Full PDB file with SEQRES, HELIX, SHEET, SSBOND, CRYST1, ORIGX, SCALE, CONECT and MASTER records, all heavy atoms in Angstrom:
SEQRES   1 A   35  GLN LEU TYR ARG ARG TYR THR LYS ARG ASN ASP LEU ILE          
SEQRES   2 A   35  LEU ASN ILE PHE GLY ASN SER LYS SER ALA GLU GLU GLU          
SEQRES   3 A   35  ALA ILE LYS LEU ASN ARG LEU TYR PHE                          
HELIX    1 AA1 LEU A    2  TYR A    6  1                                   5    
HELIX    2 AA2 LYS A   21  LYS A   29  1                                   9    
SHEET    1 AA1 2 LEU A  12  ILE A  13  0                                        
SHEET    2 AA1 2 LEU A  33  TYR A  34  1                                        
CRYST1    1.000    1.000    1.000  90.00  90.00  90.00 P 1           1          
ORIGX1      1.000000  0.000000  0.000000        0.00000                         
ORIGX2      0.000000  1.000000  0.000000        0.00000                         
ORIGX3      0.000000  0.000000  1.000000        0.00000                         
SCALE1      1.000000  0.000000  0.000000        0.00000                         
SCALE2      0.000000  1.000000  0.000000        0.00000                         
SCALE3      0.000000  0.000000  1.000000        0.00000                         
ATOM      1  N   GLN A   1      -2.693   8.981   7.329  1.00  0.00           N  
ATOM      2  CA  GLN A   1      -1.687   9.995   7.620  1.00  0.00           C  
ATOM      3  C   GLN A   1      -0.335   9.641   7.006  1.00  0.00           C  
ATOM      4  O   GLN A   1       0.327  10.480   6.374  1.00  0.00           O  
ATOM      5  CB  GLN A   1      -1.549  10.167   9.135  1.00  0.00           C  
ATOM      6  CG  GLN A   1      -2.756  10.781   9.822  1.00  0.00           C  
ATOM      7  CD  GLN A   1      -2.899  12.266   9.525  1.00  0.00           C  
ATOM      8  OE1 GLN A   1      -1.916  12.989   9.385  1.00  0.00           O  
ATOM      9  NE2 GLN A   1      -4.130  12.727   9.428  1.00  0.00           N  
ATOM     10  N   LEU A   2       0.080   8.392   7.175  1.00  0.00           N  
ATOM     11  CA  LEU A   2       1.392   7.963   6.674  1.00  0.00           C  
ATOM     12  C   LEU A   2       1.445   7.988   5.156  1.00  0.00           C  
ATOM     13  O   LEU A   2       2.436   8.451   4.566  1.00  0.00           O  
ATOM     14  CB  LEU A   2       1.708   6.565   7.192  1.00  0.00           C  
ATOM     15  CG  LEU A   2       1.947   6.435   8.695  1.00  0.00           C  
ATOM     16  CD1 LEU A   2       2.026   4.968   9.091  1.00  0.00           C  
ATOM     17  CD2 LEU A   2       3.209   7.177   9.118  1.00  0.00           C  
ATOM     18  N   TYR A   3       0.401   7.505   4.505  1.00  0.00           N  
ATOM     19  CA  TYR A   3       0.413   7.442   3.046  1.00  0.00           C  
ATOM     20  C   TYR A   3       0.386   8.830   2.419  1.00  0.00           C  
ATOM     21  O   TYR A   3       1.093   9.098   1.444  1.00  0.00           O  
ATOM     22  CB  TYR A   3      -0.771   6.626   2.536  1.00  0.00           C  
ATOM     23  CG  TYR A   3      -0.767   5.168   2.925  1.00  0.00           C  
ATOM     24  CD1 TYR A   3      -1.909   4.383   2.778  1.00  0.00           C  
ATOM     25  CD2 TYR A   3       0.368   4.559   3.462  1.00  0.00           C  
ATOM     26  CE1 TYR A   3      -1.919   3.049   3.145  1.00  0.00           C  
ATOM     27  CE2 TYR A   3       0.368   3.233   3.831  1.00  0.00           C  
ATOM     28  CZ  TYR A   3      -0.785   2.475   3.667  1.00  0.00           C  
ATOM     29  OH  TYR A   3      -0.801   1.145   4.029  1.00  0.00           O  
ATOM     30  N   ARG A   4      -0.431   9.719   2.970  1.00  0.00           N  
ATOM     31  CA  ARG A   4      -0.502  11.074   2.421  1.00  0.00           C  
ATOM     32  C   ARG A   4       0.793  11.840   2.666  1.00  0.00           C  
ATOM     33  O   ARG A   4       1.196  12.659   1.843  1.00  0.00           O  
ATOM     34  CB  ARG A   4      -1.688  11.817   3.022  1.00  0.00           C  
ATOM     35  CG  ARG A   4      -3.044  11.283   2.587  1.00  0.00           C  
ATOM     36  CD  ARG A   4      -4.174  12.022   3.261  1.00  0.00           C  
ATOM     37  NE  ARG A   4      -4.218  13.416   2.849  1.00  0.00           N  
ATOM     38  CZ  ARG A   4      -4.916  14.351   3.494  1.00  0.00           C  
ATOM     39  NH1 ARG A   4      -5.595  14.036   4.586  1.00  0.00           N  
ATOM     40  NH2 ARG A   4      -4.913  15.603   3.058  1.00  0.00           N  
ATOM     41  N   ARG A   5       1.435  11.550   3.764  1.00  0.00           N  
ATOM     42  CA  ARG A   5       2.661  12.279   4.122  1.00  0.00           C  
ATOM     43  C   ARG A   5       3.889  11.736   3.389  1.00  0.00           C  
ATOM     44  O   ARG A   5       4.780  12.499   3.007  1.00  0.00           O  
ATOM     45  CB  ARG A   5       2.864  12.148   5.630  1.00  0.00           C  
ATOM     46  CG  ARG A   5       4.062  12.896   6.179  1.00  0.00           C  
ATOM     47  CD  ARG A   5       3.756  14.336   6.502  1.00  0.00           C  
ATOM     48  NE  ARG A   5       4.949  15.078   6.858  1.00  0.00           N  
ATOM     49  CZ  ARG A   5       5.490  15.102   8.076  1.00  0.00           C  
ATOM     50  NH1 ARG A   5       4.919  14.431   9.064  1.00  0.00           N  
ATOM     51  NH2 ARG A   5       6.568  15.816   8.305  1.00  0.00           N  
ATOM     52  N   TYR A   6       3.973  10.424   3.188  1.00  0.00           N  
ATOM     53  CA  TYR A   6       5.221   9.820   2.713  1.00  0.00           C  
ATOM     54  C   TYR A   6       5.125   9.104   1.375  1.00  0.00           C  
ATOM     55  O   TYR A   6       6.088   8.458   0.965  1.00  0.00           O  
ATOM     56  CB  TYR A   6       5.744   8.856   3.777  1.00  0.00           C  
ATOM     57  CG  TYR A   6       6.047   9.545   5.083  1.00  0.00           C  
ATOM     58  CD1 TYR A   6       5.327   9.267   6.235  1.00  0.00           C  
ATOM     59  CD2 TYR A   6       7.048  10.515   5.165  1.00  0.00           C  
ATOM     60  CE1 TYR A   6       5.588   9.911   7.432  1.00  0.00           C  
ATOM     61  CE2 TYR A   6       7.322  11.174   6.357  1.00  0.00           C  
ATOM     62  CZ  TYR A   6       6.585  10.872   7.490  1.00  0.00           C  
ATOM     63  OH  TYR A   6       6.842  11.518   8.666  1.00  0.00           O  
ATOM     64  N   THR A   7       3.985   9.218   0.687  1.00  0.00           N  
ATOM     65  CA  THR A   7       3.870   8.597  -0.640  1.00  0.00           C  
ATOM     66  C   THR A   7       3.104   9.505  -1.595  1.00  0.00           C  
ATOM     67  O   THR A   7       2.428  10.447  -1.182  1.00  0.00           O  
ATOM     68  CB  THR A   7       3.139   7.236  -0.586  1.00  0.00           C  
ATOM     69  OG1 THR A   7       1.780   7.430  -0.153  1.00  0.00           O  
ATOM     70  CG2 THR A   7       3.829   6.263   0.340  1.00  0.00           C  
ATOM     71  N   LYS A   8       3.211   9.158  -2.875  1.00  0.00           N  
ATOM     72  CA  LYS A   8       2.467   9.835  -3.938  1.00  0.00           C  
ATOM     73  C   LYS A   8       1.489   8.846  -4.564  1.00  0.00           C  
ATOM     74  O   LYS A   8       1.583   7.630  -4.356  1.00  0.00           O  
ATOM     75  CB  LYS A   8       3.431  10.342  -5.010  1.00  0.00           C  
ATOM     76  CG  LYS A   8       4.459  11.344  -4.517  1.00  0.00           C  
ATOM     77  CD  LYS A   8       5.361  11.811  -5.643  1.00  0.00           C  
ATOM     78  CE  LYS A   8       6.290  10.705  -6.087  1.00  0.00           C  
ATOM     79  NZ  LYS A   8       7.292  11.170  -7.080  1.00  0.00           N  
ATOM     80  N   ARG A   9       0.569   9.368  -5.327  1.00  0.00           N  
ATOM     81  CA  ARG A   9      -0.353   8.521  -6.081  1.00  0.00           C  
ATOM     82  C   ARG A   9       0.446   7.533  -6.940  1.00  0.00           C  
ATOM     83  O   ARG A   9       1.441   7.901  -7.566  1.00  0.00           O  
ATOM     84  CB  ARG A   9      -1.245   9.398  -6.967  1.00  0.00           C  
ATOM     85  CG  ARG A   9      -2.290   8.640  -7.788  1.00  0.00           C  
ATOM     86  CD  ARG A   9      -3.024   9.606  -8.684  1.00  0.00           C  
ATOM     87  NE  ARG A   9      -3.874  10.495  -7.914  1.00  0.00           N  
ATOM     88  CZ  ARG A   9      -5.171  10.305  -7.710  1.00  0.00           C  
ATOM     89  NH1 ARG A   9      -5.766   9.237  -8.228  1.00  0.00           N  
ATOM     90  NH2 ARG A   9      -5.871  11.162  -7.012  1.00  0.00           N  
ATOM     91  N   ASN A  10       0.028   6.273  -6.928  1.00  0.00           N  
ATOM     92  CA  ASN A  10       0.644   5.177  -7.694  1.00  0.00           C  
ATOM     93  C   ASN A  10       1.993   4.717  -7.143  1.00  0.00           C  
ATOM     94  O   ASN A  10       2.661   3.884  -7.765  1.00  0.00           O  
ATOM     95  CB  ASN A  10       0.792   5.536  -9.180  1.00  0.00           C  
ATOM     96  CG  ASN A  10      -0.551   5.737  -9.853  1.00  0.00           C  
ATOM     97  OD1 ASN A  10      -1.500   4.990  -9.591  1.00  0.00           O  
ATOM     98  ND2 ASN A  10      -0.649   6.731 -10.711  1.00  0.00           N  
ATOM     99  N   ASP A  11       2.417   5.225  -6.001  1.00  0.00           N  
ATOM    100  CA  ASP A  11       3.596   4.670  -5.328  1.00  0.00           C  
ATOM    101  C   ASP A  11       3.289   3.265  -4.827  1.00  0.00           C  
ATOM    102  O   ASP A  11       2.127   2.920  -4.554  1.00  0.00           O  
ATOM    103  CB  ASP A  11       4.006   5.548  -4.137  1.00  0.00           C  
ATOM    104  CG  ASP A  11       4.944   6.683  -4.537  1.00  0.00           C  
ATOM    105  OD1 ASP A  11       5.357   6.739  -5.711  1.00  0.00           O  
ATOM    106  OD2 ASP A  11       5.246   7.518  -3.663  1.00  0.00           O  
ATOM    107  N   LEU A  12       4.344   2.483  -4.665  1.00  0.00           N  
ATOM    108  CA  LEU A  12       4.188   1.099  -4.214  1.00  0.00           C  
ATOM    109  C   LEU A  12       4.570   0.961  -2.748  1.00  0.00           C  
ATOM    110  O   LEU A  12       5.668   1.349  -2.337  1.00  0.00           O  
ATOM    111  CB  LEU A  12       5.057   0.169  -5.058  1.00  0.00           C  
ATOM    112  CG  LEU A  12       5.058  -1.313  -4.662  1.00  0.00           C  
ATOM    113  CD1 LEU A  12       3.655  -1.912  -4.724  1.00  0.00           C  
ATOM    114  CD2 LEU A  12       6.009  -2.099  -5.566  1.00  0.00           C  
ATOM    115  N   ILE A  13       3.656   0.392  -1.971  1.00  0.00           N  
ATOM    116  CA  ILE A  13       3.858   0.160  -0.536  1.00  0.00           C  
ATOM    117  C   ILE A  13       4.031  -1.333  -0.306  1.00  0.00           C  
ATOM    118  O   ILE A  13       3.209  -2.131  -0.739  1.00  0.00           O  
ATOM    119  CB  ILE A  13       2.643   0.665   0.268  1.00  0.00           C  
ATOM    120  CG1 ILE A  13       2.447   2.168   0.052  1.00  0.00           C  
ATOM    121  CG2 ILE A  13       2.801   0.337   1.752  1.00  0.00           C  
ATOM    122  CD1 ILE A  13       1.063   2.657   0.458  1.00  0.00           C  
ATOM    123  N   LEU A  14       5.096  -1.700   0.380  1.00  0.00           N  
ATOM    124  CA  LEU A  14       5.302  -3.087   0.800  1.00  0.00           C  
ATOM    125  C   LEU A  14       5.093  -3.173   2.304  1.00  0.00           C  
ATOM    126  O   LEU A  14       5.775  -2.493   3.070  1.00  0.00           O  
ATOM    127  CB  LEU A  14       6.710  -3.570   0.438  1.00  0.00           C  
ATOM    128  CG  LEU A  14       7.133  -4.931   1.032  1.00  0.00           C  
ATOM    129  CD1 LEU A  14       6.202  -6.050   0.573  1.00  0.00           C  
ATOM    130  CD2 LEU A  14       8.592  -5.251   0.669  1.00  0.00           C  
ATOM    131  N   ASN A  15       4.162  -4.000   2.712  1.00  0.00           N  
ATOM    132  CA  ASN A  15       3.873  -4.192   4.130  1.00  0.00           C  
ATOM    133  C   ASN A  15       4.379  -5.571   4.543  1.00  0.00           C  
ATOM    134  O   ASN A  15       3.802  -6.596   4.187  1.00  0.00           O  
ATOM    135  CB  ASN A  15       2.366  -4.074   4.390  1.00  0.00           C  
ATOM    136  CG  ASN A  15       2.031  -4.102   5.873  1.00  0.00           C  
ATOM    137  OD1 ASN A  15       2.911  -4.183   6.720  1.00  0.00           O  
ATOM    138  ND2 ASN A  15       0.746  -4.058   6.175  1.00  0.00           N  
ATOM    139  N   ILE A  16       5.479  -5.574   5.277  1.00  0.00           N  
ATOM    140  CA  ILE A  16       6.028  -6.834   5.777  1.00  0.00           C  
ATOM    141  C   ILE A  16       5.416  -7.126   7.144  1.00  0.00           C  
ATOM    142  O   ILE A  16       5.268  -6.233   7.963  1.00  0.00           O  
ATOM    143  CB  ILE A  16       7.560  -6.762   5.855  1.00  0.00           C  
ATOM    144  CG1 ILE A  16       8.142  -6.651   4.437  1.00  0.00           C  
ATOM    145  CG2 ILE A  16       8.137  -7.981   6.565  1.00  0.00           C  
ATOM    146  CD1 ILE A  16       9.653  -6.608   4.384  1.00  0.00           C  
ATOM    147  N   PHE A  17       5.064  -8.367   7.386  1.00  0.00           N  
ATOM    148  CA  PHE A  17       4.288  -8.836   8.540  1.00  0.00           C  
ATOM    149  C   PHE A  17       2.824  -8.407   8.408  1.00  0.00           C  
ATOM    150  O   PHE A  17       2.109  -8.333   9.396  1.00  0.00           O  
ATOM    151  CB  PHE A  17       4.823  -8.302   9.882  1.00  0.00           C  
ATOM    152  CG  PHE A  17       6.274  -8.515  10.115  1.00  0.00           C  
ATOM    153  CD1 PHE A  17       7.163  -7.464  10.126  1.00  0.00           C  
ATOM    154  CD2 PHE A  17       6.774  -9.786  10.341  1.00  0.00           C  
ATOM    155  CE1 PHE A  17       8.524  -7.659  10.351  1.00  0.00           C  
ATOM    156  CE2 PHE A  17       8.120 -10.003  10.574  1.00  0.00           C  
ATOM    157  CZ  PHE A  17       8.988  -8.941  10.570  1.00  0.00           C  
ATOM    158  N   GLY A  18       2.382  -8.102   7.182  1.00  0.00           N  
ATOM    159  CA  GLY A  18       1.070  -7.500   6.959  1.00  0.00           C  
ATOM    160  C   GLY A  18      -0.033  -8.062   7.827  1.00  0.00           C  
ATOM    161  O   GLY A  18      -0.625  -9.077   7.486  1.00  0.00           O  
ATOM    162  N   ASN A  19      -0.329  -7.409   8.918  1.00  0.00           N  
ATOM    163  CA  ASN A  19      -1.376  -7.895   9.821  1.00  0.00           C  
ATOM    164  C   ASN A  19      -2.442  -6.837  10.070  1.00  0.00           C  
ATOM    165  O   ASN A  19      -3.117  -6.870  11.086  1.00  0.00           O  
ATOM    166  CB  ASN A  19      -0.773  -8.344  11.166  1.00  0.00           C  
ATOM    167  CG  ASN A  19       0.021  -7.250  11.846  1.00  0.00           C  
ATOM    168  OD1 ASN A  19      -0.175  -6.072  11.580  1.00  0.00           O  
ATOM    169  ND2 ASN A  19       0.922  -7.642  12.739  1.00  0.00           N  
ATOM    170  N   SER A  20      -2.584  -5.888   9.127  1.00  0.00           N  
ATOM    171  CA  SER A  20      -3.598  -4.843   9.281  1.00  0.00           C  
ATOM    172  C   SER A  20      -4.399  -4.718   8.001  1.00  0.00           C  
ATOM    173  O   SER A  20      -3.875  -4.323   6.957  1.00  0.00           O  
ATOM    174  CB  SER A  20      -2.933  -3.503   9.616  1.00  0.00           C  
ATOM    175  OG  SER A  20      -3.887  -2.474   9.618  1.00  0.00           O  
ATOM    176  N   LYS A  21      -5.663  -5.046   8.100  1.00  0.00           N  
ATOM    177  CA  LYS A  21      -6.549  -4.941   6.935  1.00  0.00           C  
ATOM    178  C   LYS A  21      -6.688  -3.494   6.490  1.00  0.00           C  
ATOM    179  O   LYS A  21      -6.770  -3.196   5.295  1.00  0.00           O  
ATOM    180  CB  LYS A  21      -7.917  -5.527   7.277  1.00  0.00           C  
ATOM    181  CG  LYS A  21      -8.841  -5.645   6.070  1.00  0.00           C  
ATOM    182  CD  LYS A  21     -10.148  -6.338   6.446  1.00  0.00           C  
ATOM    183  CE  LYS A  21     -11.051  -6.466   5.225  1.00  0.00           C  
ATOM    184  NZ  LYS A  21     -12.340  -7.130   5.572  1.00  0.00           N  
ATOM    185  N   SER A  22      -6.707  -2.572   7.459  1.00  0.00           N  
ATOM    186  CA  SER A  22      -6.891  -1.162   7.114  1.00  0.00           C  
ATOM    187  C   SER A  22      -5.706  -0.601   6.339  1.00  0.00           C  
ATOM    188  O   SER A  22      -5.845   0.380   5.605  1.00  0.00           O  
ATOM    189  CB  SER A  22      -7.143  -0.332   8.376  1.00  0.00           C  
ATOM    190  OG  SER A  22      -6.053  -0.400   9.261  1.00  0.00           O  
ATOM    191  N   ALA A  23      -4.527  -1.212   6.480  1.00  0.00           N  
ATOM    192  CA  ALA A  23      -3.356  -0.753   5.724  1.00  0.00           C  
ATOM    193  C   ALA A  23      -3.601  -0.892   4.226  1.00  0.00           C  
ATOM    194  O   ALA A  23      -3.301   0.016   3.442  1.00  0.00           O  
ATOM    195  CB  ALA A  23      -2.122  -1.544   6.136  1.00  0.00           C  
ATOM    196  N   GLU A  24      -4.159  -2.020   3.824  1.00  0.00           N  
ATOM    197  CA  GLU A  24      -4.463  -2.239   2.407  1.00  0.00           C  
ATOM    198  C   GLU A  24      -5.654  -1.405   1.961  1.00  0.00           C  
ATOM    199  O   GLU A  24      -5.641  -0.814   0.875  1.00  0.00           O  
ATOM    200  CB  GLU A  24      -4.744  -3.719   2.154  1.00  0.00           C  
ATOM    201  CG  GLU A  24      -5.051  -4.026   0.704  1.00  0.00           C  
ATOM    202  CD  GLU A  24      -5.228  -5.503   0.444  1.00  0.00           C  
ATOM    203  OE1 GLU A  24      -5.328  -6.274   1.427  1.00  0.00           O  
ATOM    204  OE2 GLU A  24      -5.265  -5.895  -0.738  1.00  0.00           O  
ATOM    205  N   GLU A  25      -6.680  -1.342   2.780  1.00  0.00           N  
ATOM    206  CA  GLU A  25      -7.883  -0.585   2.421  1.00  0.00           C  
ATOM    207  C   GLU A  25      -7.562   0.885   2.173  1.00  0.00           C  
ATOM    208  O   GLU A  25      -8.058   1.484   1.210  1.00  0.00           O  
ATOM    209  CB  GLU A  25      -8.924  -0.713   3.526  1.00  0.00           C  
ATOM    210  CG  GLU A  25      -9.523  -2.103   3.654  1.00  0.00           C  
ATOM    211  CD  GLU A  25     -10.445  -2.250   4.852  1.00  0.00           C  
ATOM    212  OE1 GLU A  25     -10.420  -1.364   5.733  1.00  0.00           O  
ATOM    213  OE2 GLU A  25     -11.197  -3.243   4.914  1.00  0.00           O  
ATOM    214  N   GLU A  26      -6.721   1.452   3.018  1.00  0.00           N  
ATOM    215  CA  GLU A  26      -6.387   2.865   2.866  1.00  0.00           C  
ATOM    216  C   GLU A  26      -5.520   3.093   1.638  1.00  0.00           C  
ATOM    217  O   GLU A  26      -5.634   4.127   0.974  1.00  0.00           O  
ATOM    218  CB  GLU A  26      -5.679   3.361   4.132  1.00  0.00           C  
ATOM    219  CG  GLU A  26      -5.757   4.851   4.337  1.00  0.00           C  
ATOM    220  CD  GLU A  26      -7.183   5.363   4.459  1.00  0.00           C  
ATOM    221  OE1 GLU A  26      -8.015   4.683   5.083  1.00  0.00           O  
ATOM    222  OE2 GLU A  26      -7.456   6.460   3.928  1.00  0.00           O  
ATOM    223  N   ALA A  27      -4.646   2.137   1.325  1.00  0.00           N  
ATOM    224  CA  ALA A  27      -3.816   2.253   0.123  1.00  0.00           C  
ATOM    225  C   ALA A  27      -4.688   2.281  -1.134  1.00  0.00           C  
ATOM    226  O   ALA A  27      -4.473   3.105  -2.036  1.00  0.00           O  
ATOM    227  CB  ALA A  27      -2.824   1.096   0.057  1.00  0.00           C  
ATOM    228  N   ILE A  28      -5.674   1.402  -1.186  1.00  0.00           N  
ATOM    229  CA  ILE A  28      -6.588   1.369  -2.334  1.00  0.00           C  
ATOM    230  C   ILE A  28      -7.380   2.667  -2.427  1.00  0.00           C  
ATOM    231  O   ILE A  28      -7.534   3.255  -3.505  1.00  0.00           O  
ATOM    232  CB  ILE A  28      -7.537   0.159  -2.214  1.00  0.00           C  
ATOM    233  CG1 ILE A  28      -6.737  -1.146  -2.326  1.00  0.00           C  
ATOM    234  CG2 ILE A  28      -8.626   0.216  -3.271  1.00  0.00           C  
ATOM    235  CD1 ILE A  28      -7.531  -2.387  -1.989  1.00  0.00           C  
ATOM    236  N   LYS A  29      -7.865   3.139  -1.295  1.00  0.00           N  
ATOM    237  CA  LYS A  29      -8.648   4.370  -1.244  1.00  0.00           C  
ATOM    238  C   LYS A  29      -7.858   5.567  -1.764  1.00  0.00           C  
ATOM    239  O   LYS A  29      -8.398   6.450  -2.450  1.00  0.00           O  
ATOM    240  CB  LYS A  29      -9.093   4.623   0.201  1.00  0.00           C  
ATOM    241  CG  LYS A  29      -9.872   5.906   0.420  1.00  0.00           C  
ATOM    242  CD  LYS A  29     -10.223   6.056   1.896  1.00  0.00           C  
ATOM    243  CE  LYS A  29     -10.866   7.403   2.193  1.00  0.00           C  
ATOM    244  NZ  LYS A  29     -11.148   7.561   3.647  1.00  0.00           N  
ATOM    245  N   LEU A  30      -6.557   5.604  -1.468  1.00  0.00           N  
ATOM    246  CA  LEU A  30      -5.718   6.744  -1.847  1.00  0.00           C  
ATOM    247  C   LEU A  30      -4.943   6.504  -3.145  1.00  0.00           C  
ATOM    248  O   LEU A  30      -4.018   7.241  -3.472  1.00  0.00           O  
ATOM    249  CB  LEU A  30      -4.737   7.066  -0.713  1.00  0.00           C  
ATOM    250  CG  LEU A  30      -5.370   7.566   0.586  1.00  0.00           C  
ATOM    251  CD1 LEU A  30      -4.311   7.717   1.681  1.00  0.00           C  
ATOM    252  CD2 LEU A  30      -6.081   8.899   0.366  1.00  0.00           C  
ATOM    253  N   ASN A  31      -5.312   5.438  -3.874  1.00  0.00           N  
ATOM    254  CA  ASN A  31      -4.688   5.138  -5.174  1.00  0.00           C  
ATOM    255  C   ASN A  31      -3.190   4.873  -5.066  1.00  0.00           C  
ATOM    256  O   ASN A  31      -2.390   5.338  -5.876  1.00  0.00           O  
ATOM    257  CB  ASN A  31      -4.948   6.270  -6.168  1.00  0.00           C  
ATOM    258  CG  ASN A  31      -6.421   6.447  -6.474  1.00  0.00           C  
ATOM    259  OD1 ASN A  31      -7.060   5.528  -6.980  1.00  0.00           O  
ATOM    260  ND2 ASN A  31      -6.963   7.605  -6.151  1.00  0.00           N  
ATOM    261  N   ARG A  32      -2.826   4.096  -4.044  1.00  0.00           N  
ATOM    262  CA  ARG A  32      -1.462   3.604  -3.920  1.00  0.00           C  
ATOM    263  C   ARG A  32      -1.435   2.117  -4.270  1.00  0.00           C  
ATOM    264  O   ARG A  32      -2.411   1.402  -4.025  1.00  0.00           O  
ATOM    265  CB  ARG A  32      -0.937   3.782  -2.498  1.00  0.00           C  
ATOM    266  CG  ARG A  32      -0.263   5.106  -2.189  1.00  0.00           C  
ATOM    267  CD  ARG A  32      -1.140   6.299  -2.336  1.00  0.00           C  
ATOM    268  NE  ARG A  32      -0.514   7.513  -1.806  1.00  0.00           N  
ATOM    269  CZ  ARG A  32      -1.018   8.718  -1.985  1.00  0.00           C  
ATOM    270  NH1 ARG A  32      -2.141   8.900  -2.675  1.00  0.00           N  
ATOM    271  NH2 ARG A  32      -0.393   9.780  -1.466  1.00  0.00           N  
ATOM    272  N   LEU A  33      -0.325   1.671  -4.843  1.00  0.00           N  
ATOM    273  CA  LEU A  33      -0.135   0.242  -5.075  1.00  0.00           C  
ATOM    274  C   LEU A  33       0.310  -0.394  -3.767  1.00  0.00           C  
ATOM    275  O   LEU A  33       1.025   0.228  -2.983  1.00  0.00           O  
ATOM    276  CB  LEU A  33       0.903   0.014  -6.165  1.00  0.00           C  
ATOM    277  CG  LEU A  33       0.623   0.678  -7.518  1.00  0.00           C  
ATOM    278  CD1 LEU A  33       1.793   0.482  -8.465  1.00  0.00           C  
ATOM    279  CD2 LEU A  33      -0.663   0.140  -8.134  1.00  0.00           C  
ATOM    280  N   TYR A  34      -0.079  -1.656  -3.578  1.00  0.00           N  
ATOM    281  CA  TYR A  34       0.147  -2.265  -2.258  1.00  0.00           C  
ATOM    282  C   TYR A  34       0.308  -3.766  -2.390  1.00  0.00           C  
ATOM    283  O   TYR A  34      -0.413  -4.424  -3.141  1.00  0.00           O  
ATOM    284  CB  TYR A  34      -1.055  -1.952  -1.366  1.00  0.00           C  
ATOM    285  CG  TYR A  34      -1.022  -2.578   0.015  1.00  0.00           C  
ATOM    286  CD1 TYR A  34      -0.523  -1.875   1.099  1.00  0.00           C  
ATOM    287  CD2 TYR A  34      -1.509  -3.870   0.245  1.00  0.00           C  
ATOM    288  CE1 TYR A  34      -0.502  -2.428   2.376  1.00  0.00           C  
ATOM    289  CE2 TYR A  34      -1.481  -4.436   1.511  1.00  0.00           C  
ATOM    290  CZ  TYR A  34      -0.989  -3.709   2.567  1.00  0.00           C  
ATOM    291  OH  TYR A  34      -0.964  -4.268   3.833  1.00  0.00           O  
ATOM    292  N   PHE A  35       1.282  -4.321  -1.685  1.00  0.00           N  
ATOM    293  CA  PHE A  35       1.301  -5.765  -1.463  1.00  0.00           C  
ATOM    294  C   PHE A  35       1.978  -6.062  -0.143  1.00  0.00           C  
ATOM    295  O   PHE A  35       2.693  -5.234   0.416  1.00  0.00           O  
ATOM    296  CB  PHE A  35       1.923  -6.530  -2.636  1.00  0.00           C  
ATOM    297  CG  PHE A  35       3.427  -6.515  -2.712  1.00  0.00           C  
ATOM    298  CD1 PHE A  35       4.162  -7.635  -2.350  1.00  0.00           C  
ATOM    299  CD2 PHE A  35       4.108  -5.411  -3.201  1.00  0.00           C  
ATOM    300  CE1 PHE A  35       5.539  -7.640  -2.448  1.00  0.00           C  
ATOM    301  CE2 PHE A  35       5.492  -5.408  -3.311  1.00  0.00           C  
ATOM    302  CZ  PHE A  35       6.207  -6.530  -2.932  1.00  0.00           C  
TER     303      PHE A  35                                                      
MASTER        0    0    0    2    2    0    0    6  302    1    0    3          
END                                                                             
């Protein structure tokens, strides 16, 4: 929901305190860059 609402394809997401595996999985699925 968050990625589709607040990002575009190939946008870069920075997850600080990254403690959710699904955060990265969903970014890859929706063609977002992630670290």
